[in-house]
Amino acid sequence: MRARRGRAFIVGVNPKVDAYLGRAKQWRAEMEALRAILLECGLTEELKWGKPCYATDDGNIAILQPFKAHCALMFFKGALLEDPHGLLVPQGENTRSAMRVEFTDPAQVTKKKAKVKALVKKAVQVEKAGLKVDFAEAKKPDHPEELTAALRADKALKKAFGALTPGRQRSWVLHFSSAKQAKTREARIEKAKEKIFAGKGWNER
């Protein structure tokens, strides 16, 4: 499919997505910037599950997700992607495969364009290779050293963390592990204690 935008023709543009973005009351600029990146990567777009979804002939790659607090680009097999810049965060406590990159300003999309394109390229490679998430293995990600030390030093925290559902435990482990520096991981663990004692996962209020 081709559509005229300015003086150029863009392959893959879908008028249904044009209409969706035209109705968007929030995060329109962010979604349009992400859309441009995804189309530059050669993906095709459709409206699926009520949102712009991007795919290759081999399968779905990513989907745009407008939330109240941010706009996200969710990769269906994000758990299989190498993420050297720590952009990906868990999609939800019960999700084993999907991970997303969150944005709150179109300038963030511009700044991270090269890194986002690299993730898209890896996601396409994963899909073409027919790789699938090993859900049995994904249920128990390794604890970062800082979490192990915190649980060892605080019996009450260890008990509260152990009482969480596997999905909630996983959400915290992924949240802590996504930080590059030890100090950041330690700070996240300290900040998380109140919610852990309340029996909540990372993405719960």
Protein backbone atom coordinates (compact mmCIF):
# COMPACT_ATOMS: atom_id res chain seq x y z
CA MET A 1 0.00 0.00 0.00
CA ARG A 2 1.24 3.50 -0.85
CA ALA A 3 0.09 6.88 0.37
CA ARG A 4 1.26 10.37 -0.49
CA ARG A 5 2.79 12.40 2.33
CA GLY A 6 4.34 15.67 1.21
CA ARG A 7 6.43 15.01 -1.91
CA ALA A 8 7.29 11.41 -1.07
CA PHE A 9 5.51 8.12 -1.26
CA ILE A 10 5.63 6.02 1.91
CA VAL A 11 5.20 2.28 1.49
CA GLY A 12 3.01 0.55 4.07
CA VAL A 13 0.85 3.47 5.21
CA ASN A 14 -2.65 2.34 6.13
CA PRO A 15 -5.56 4.84 5.96
CA LYS A 16 -7.17 3.15 8.97
CA VAL A 17 -4.12 4.08 11.03
CA ASP A 18 -4.32 7.62 9.62
CA ALA A 19 -7.89 7.80 10.91
CA TYR A 20 -6.89 6.34 14.29
CA LEU A 21 -4.16 8.93 14.78
CA GLY A 22 -6.49 11.68 13.61
CA ARG A 23 -8.87 10.79 16.45
CA ALA A 24 -6.11 10.51 19.08
CA LYS A 25 -6.51 13.06 21.89
CA GLN A 26 -3.26 12.12 23.65
CA TRP A 27 0.22 11.04 22.53
CA ARG A 28 -0.51 11.73 18.87
CA ALA A 29 2.89 13.32 18.19
CA GLU A 30 4.70 10.45 19.91
CA MET A 31 2.75 7.80 18.00
CA GLU A 32 3.29 9.57 14.68
CA ALA A 33 7.04 9.73 15.34
CA LEU A 34 7.15 6.05 16.25
CA ARG A 35 5.03 5.19 13.22
CA ALA A 36 7.54 6.90 10.94
CA ILE A 37 10.38 4.86 12.43
CA LEU A 38 8.49 1.58 12.06
CA LEU A 39 7.60 2.29 8.44
CA GLU A 40 11.21 3.27 7.71
CA CYS A 41 12.14 -0.21 8.94
CA GLY A 42 9.95 -1.71 6.21
CA LEU A 43 7.10 -2.92 8.42
CA THR A 44 3.48 -2.90 7.32
CA GLU A 45 0.72 -1.53 9.52
CA GLU A 46 -2.80 -2.59 10.36
CA LEU A 47 -5.28 -1.84 13.11
CA LYS A 48 -5.32 -4.87 15.41
CA TRP A 49 -6.82 -5.02 18.88
CA GLY A 50 -7.89 -1.45 18.20
CA LYS A 51 -4.32 -0.12 17.92
CA PRO A 52 -1.69 0.37 15.18
CA CYS A 53 0.16 -2.92 14.80
CA TYR A 54 3.35 -3.44 12.76
CA ALA A 55 4.39 -6.67 11.12
CA THR A 56 6.41 -8.51 8.50
CA ASP A 57 5.28 -11.43 6.39
CA ASP A 58 6.57 -13.66 9.19
CA GLY A 59 4.41 -12.20 11.95
CA ASN A 60 3.62 -9.33 14.29
CA ILE A 61 6.58 -7.28 15.49
CA ALA A 62 5.28 -4.39 17.59
CA ILE A 63 2.20 -2.38 18.50
CA LEU A 64 1.61 1.22 19.62
CA GLN A 65 -0.04 1.57 23.03
CA PRO A 66 -1.35 4.89 24.35
CA PHE A 67 -1.70 4.84 28.14
CA LYS A 68 -2.70 7.58 30.55
CA ALA A 69 0.84 8.16 31.84
CA HIS A 70 2.84 7.41 28.69
CA CYS A 71 2.88 6.12 25.13
CA ALA A 72 4.54 2.76 24.54
CA LEU A 73 5.98 0.73 21.71
CA MET A 74 5.39 -2.88 22.69
CA PHE A 75 7.42 -5.70 21.14
CA PHE A 76 5.53 -8.99 21.08
CA LYS A 77 8.72 -11.00 21.67
CA GLY A 78 10.60 -8.39 23.63
CA ALA A 79 11.91 -10.97 26.08
CA LEU A 80 14.07 -12.39 23.26
CA LEU A 81 15.65 -9.07 22.30
CA GLU A 82 19.11 -7.94 23.29
CA ASP A 83 18.68 -4.59 25.04
CA PRO A 84 22.13 -3.09 25.70
CA HIS A 85 20.67 0.36 26.44
CA GLY A 86 18.07 -0.84 28.94
CA LEU A 87 15.09 0.61 27.08
CA LEU A 88 12.70 -2.30 27.54
CA VAL A 89 10.45 -2.67 30.58
CA PRO A 90 8.01 -5.49 31.40
CA GLN A 91 4.60 -5.26 29.77
CA GLY A 92 2.85 -6.62 32.87
CA GLU A 93 3.28 -8.96 35.78
CA ASN A 94 1.75 -11.92 33.98
CA THR A 95 3.42 -11.28 30.63
CA ARG A 96 6.28 -13.60 29.72
CA SER A 97 7.09 -12.45 26.22
CA ALA A 98 6.08 -8.85 25.54
CA MET A 99 8.19 -5.89 26.64
CA ARG A 100 7.87 -2.23 25.79
CA VAL A 101 9.66 1.10 25.46
CA GLU A 102 7.85 4.02 27.09
CA PHE A 103 7.76 7.67 25.95
CA THR A 104 6.27 10.84 27.41
CA ASP A 105 7.53 13.36 24.86
CA PRO A 106 8.11 13.30 21.07
CA ALA A 107 11.66 14.54 21.69
CA GLN A 108 12.36 11.26 23.47
CA VAL A 109 11.36 9.36 20.35
CA THR A 110 13.71 11.48 18.24
CA LYS A 111 16.56 11.08 20.70
CA LYS A 112 16.17 7.29 20.87
CA LYS A 113 15.42 6.75 17.18
CA ALA A 114 18.61 4.81 16.38
CA LYS A 115 18.17 2.59 19.45
CA VAL A 116 14.52 1.94 18.66
CA LYS A 117 15.39 1.03 15.06
CA ALA A 118 18.02 -1.39 16.38
CA LEU A 119 15.38 -3.09 18.55
CA VAL A 120 13.01 -3.30 15.58
CA LYS A 121 15.75 -4.87 13.46
CA LYS A 122 16.44 -7.46 16.15
CA ALA A 123 12.73 -8.16 16.54
CA VAL A 124 12.42 -8.79 12.79
CA GLN A 125 15.39 -11.17 12.94
CA VAL A 126 13.80 -13.03 15.85
CA GLU A 127 10.52 -13.38 13.96
CA LYS A 128 12.17 -14.50 10.73
CA ALA A 129 14.14 -17.11 12.67
CA GLY A 130 10.91 -18.45 14.16
CA LEU A 131 12.19 -18.06 17.72
CA LYS A 132 9.75 -18.46 20.59
CA VAL A 133 9.91 -17.59 24.27
CA ASP A 134 10.59 -20.53 26.57
CA PHE A 135 7.83 -19.79 29.05
CA ALA A 136 9.04 -22.36 31.56
CA GLU A 137 12.42 -20.66 31.68
CA ALA A 138 10.93 -17.18 31.67
CA LYS A 139 8.99 -17.79 34.86
CA LYS A 140 12.08 -17.55 37.05
CA PRO A 141 14.52 -14.85 35.94
CA ASP A 142 17.75 -14.63 37.92
CA HIS A 143 17.72 -12.25 40.87
CA PRO A 144 20.17 -9.37 40.64
CA GLU A 145 22.85 -9.52 43.33
CA GLU A 146 21.43 -6.44 45.04
CA LEU A 147 18.03 -8.11 45.50
CA THR A 148 19.60 -11.28 46.85
CA ALA A 149 21.59 -9.21 49.36
CA ALA A 150 18.54 -7.18 50.38
CA LEU A 151 16.45 -10.30 50.98
CA ARG A 152 19.26 -11.89 52.96
CA ALA A 153 19.64 -8.80 55.16
CA ASP A 154 15.92 -8.21 55.78
CA LYS A 155 13.91 -11.24 56.88
CA ALA A 156 10.63 -9.33 56.77
CA LEU A 157 11.30 -8.25 53.19
CA LYS A 158 12.26 -11.81 52.24
CA LYS A 159 9.00 -13.11 53.69
CA ALA A 160 6.94 -10.43 51.94
CA PHE A 161 8.69 -10.99 48.62
CA GLY A 162 8.24 -14.76 48.92
CA ALA A 163 4.52 -14.25 49.54
CA LEU A 164 4.07 -12.42 46.23
CA THR A 165 2.61 -14.29 43.28
CA PRO A 166 5.19 -15.56 40.75
CA GLY A 167 4.04 -12.88 38.32
CA ARG A 168 4.56 -10.09 40.84
CA GLN A 169 7.97 -11.44 41.82
CA ARG A 170 8.95 -11.55 38.17
CA SER A 171 7.79 -7.97 37.57
CA TRP A 172 10.05 -6.73 40.39
CA VAL A 173 13.03 -8.80 39.29
CA LEU A 174 12.77 -7.49 35.73
CA HIS A 175 12.35 -3.94 37.00
CA PHE A 176 15.41 -4.16 39.22
CA SER A 177 17.51 -5.96 36.63
CA SER A 178 16.79 -3.42 33.90
CA ALA A 179 18.87 -0.80 35.74
CA LYS A 180 22.45 -0.64 34.46
CA GLN A 181 24.18 0.49 37.65
CA ALA A 182 24.27 -1.21 41.04
CA LYS A 183 23.38 2.03 42.83
CA THR A 184 20.28 2.39 40.69
CA ARG A 185 19.26 -1.21 41.39
CA GLU A 186 19.74 -0.65 45.12
CA ALA A 187 17.68 2.55 44.98
CA ARG A 188 14.87 0.78 43.12
CA ILE A 189 14.80 -2.01 45.69
CA GLU A 190 14.64 0.47 48.56
CA LYS A 191 11.84 2.40 46.88
CA ALA A 192 9.94 -0.84 46.14
CA LYS A 193 9.78 -2.08 49.74
CA GLU A 194 6.51 -0.33 50.59
CA LYS A 195 4.70 -1.89 47.64
CA ILE A 196 6.26 -5.31 48.24
CA PHE A 197 5.06 -5.26 51.86
CA ALA A 198 1.63 -4.31 50.51
CA GLY A 199 1.66 -7.40 48.29
CA LYS A 200 1.84 -5.48 45.04
CA GLY A 201 3.78 -5.95 41.80
CA TRP A 202 5.92 -3.35 40.05
CA ASN A 203 3.16 -2.05 37.75
CA GLU A 204 0.45 -1.88 40.41
CA ARG A 205 -0.53 1.32 42.20
